[in-house]
Protein backbone atom coordinates (compact mmCIF):
# COMPACT_ATOMS: atom_id res chain seq x y z
CA LEU A 1 9.63 23.83 2.00
CA GLN A 2 12.82 22.42 0.53
CA SER A 3 14.81 23.35 3.61
CA ASN A 4 12.65 21.06 5.75
CA PRO A 5 14.43 17.68 6.08
CA LYS A 6 11.09 15.85 6.35
CA ILE A 7 10.06 16.97 2.86
CA THR A 8 11.69 14.73 0.28
CA SER A 9 9.82 15.93 -2.81
CA ILE A 10 7.29 18.50 -3.99
CA THR A 11 4.67 17.84 -6.66
CA ILE A 12 2.27 20.45 -8.02
CA LEU A 13 -0.93 19.30 -9.66
CA GLN A 14 -1.46 22.09 -12.20
CA ASP A 15 -4.42 22.79 -14.43
CA SER A 16 -3.40 22.14 -18.02
CA ALA A 17 -5.21 25.37 -18.99
CA CYS A 18 -2.53 27.49 -17.26
CA ASP A 19 -0.22 29.73 -19.28
CA ASP A 20 3.32 28.58 -18.45
CA ALA A 21 4.71 31.93 -19.63
CA LYS A 22 2.80 33.84 -16.93
CA GLU A 23 3.34 34.05 -13.19
CA PRO A 24 3.36 32.19 -10.93
CA PHE A 25 3.78 29.28 -13.36
CA ALA A 26 6.81 30.82 -15.10
CA SER A 27 8.75 30.89 -11.81
CA TYR A 28 8.24 27.30 -10.70
CA ALA A 29 11.58 26.12 -12.12
CA SER A 30 13.58 28.93 -10.50
CA ASP A 31 11.67 29.19 -7.22
CA ILE A 32 11.31 25.44 -6.60
CA PRO A 33 14.07 23.82 -8.70
CA ASP A 34 13.25 20.17 -7.99
CA VAL A 35 9.47 20.49 -8.22
CA LYS A 36 7.55 17.92 -10.25
CA ILE A 37 4.64 19.41 -12.21
CA VAL A 38 1.73 17.12 -13.12
CA LYS A 39 -0.74 18.74 -15.50
CA ALA A 40 -4.37 17.73 -15.79
CA ASP A 41 -7.70 19.18 -16.87
CA LEU A 42 -8.86 20.28 -13.44
CA ALA A 43 -12.15 21.53 -14.88
CA ASP A 44 -13.06 17.93 -15.72
CA GLU A 45 -16.13 17.27 -13.59
CA SER A 46 -15.97 13.54 -14.36
CA MET A 47 -12.52 13.02 -12.77
CA THR A 48 -12.51 10.35 -10.07
CA ALA A 49 -10.05 9.38 -7.33
CA ALA A 50 -8.90 6.49 -9.55
CA ASP A 51 -8.16 8.97 -12.38
CA MET A 52 -6.24 11.19 -9.97
CA GLN A 53 -4.20 8.27 -8.63
CA SER A 54 -3.37 7.29 -12.20
CA LEU A 55 -2.03 10.82 -12.81
CA LEU A 56 -0.08 11.17 -9.58
CA LYS A 57 1.28 7.60 -9.42
CA GLN A 58 1.98 7.65 -5.66
CA PRO A 59 0.47 8.63 -2.31
CA TYR A 60 1.42 11.90 -0.62
CA ASP A 61 1.88 12.71 3.07
CA TYR A 62 0.65 16.30 2.74
CA VAL A 63 -1.87 17.73 0.28
CA TRP A 64 -2.39 21.49 -0.02
CA ASP A 65 -5.49 22.29 -2.01
CA ASN A 66 -5.60 25.97 -2.86
CA CYS A 67 -8.06 25.94 -5.73
CA SER A 68 -11.03 23.68 -5.08
CA LYS A 69 -14.20 25.61 -4.55
CA GLY A 70 -16.06 22.49 -3.50
CA ALA A 71 -16.02 18.74 -3.48
CA ALA A 72 -16.83 18.05 -7.13
CA GLY A 73 -14.87 16.67 -10.08
CA ALA A 74 -11.11 17.08 -9.73
CA GLY A 75 -11.48 18.77 -6.34
CA LYS A 76 -13.39 15.81 -4.95
CA ALA A 77 -10.87 13.42 -6.53
CA VAL A 78 -8.03 15.18 -4.66
CA ILE A 79 -9.96 15.04 -1.39
CA ASP A 80 -10.81 11.36 -1.89
CA CYS A 81 -7.18 10.49 -2.62
CA ALA A 82 -5.94 12.40 0.42
CA GLN A 83 -8.41 10.50 2.59
CA GLU A 84 -7.41 7.13 1.13
CA TRP A 85 -3.70 7.93 1.57
CA GLU A 86 -4.36 9.24 5.10
CA SER A 87 -2.66 12.47 4.07
CA LYS A 88 -2.76 15.65 6.04
CA LEU A 89 -5.12 17.77 3.92
CA LEU A 90 -4.38 21.47 4.27
């Protein structure tokens, strides 16, 4: 991703329950040196798009969601933000 001139930054929204000492989390710094990690309780079913925007602070052009099992809680908040930002949701 970093070699693509159209990508100016990479942010990972990471569940705060992850173990930073285990893979793949332990390799983020070496594999993606300039990545920004934003941690949140992604199991929080009450999270809204407004909460998500408060965490992320900016809109994103591309959103890759590789964990949501459905549109509820944090997963729905990510989808709602991507729609509001007119992101490409992948």
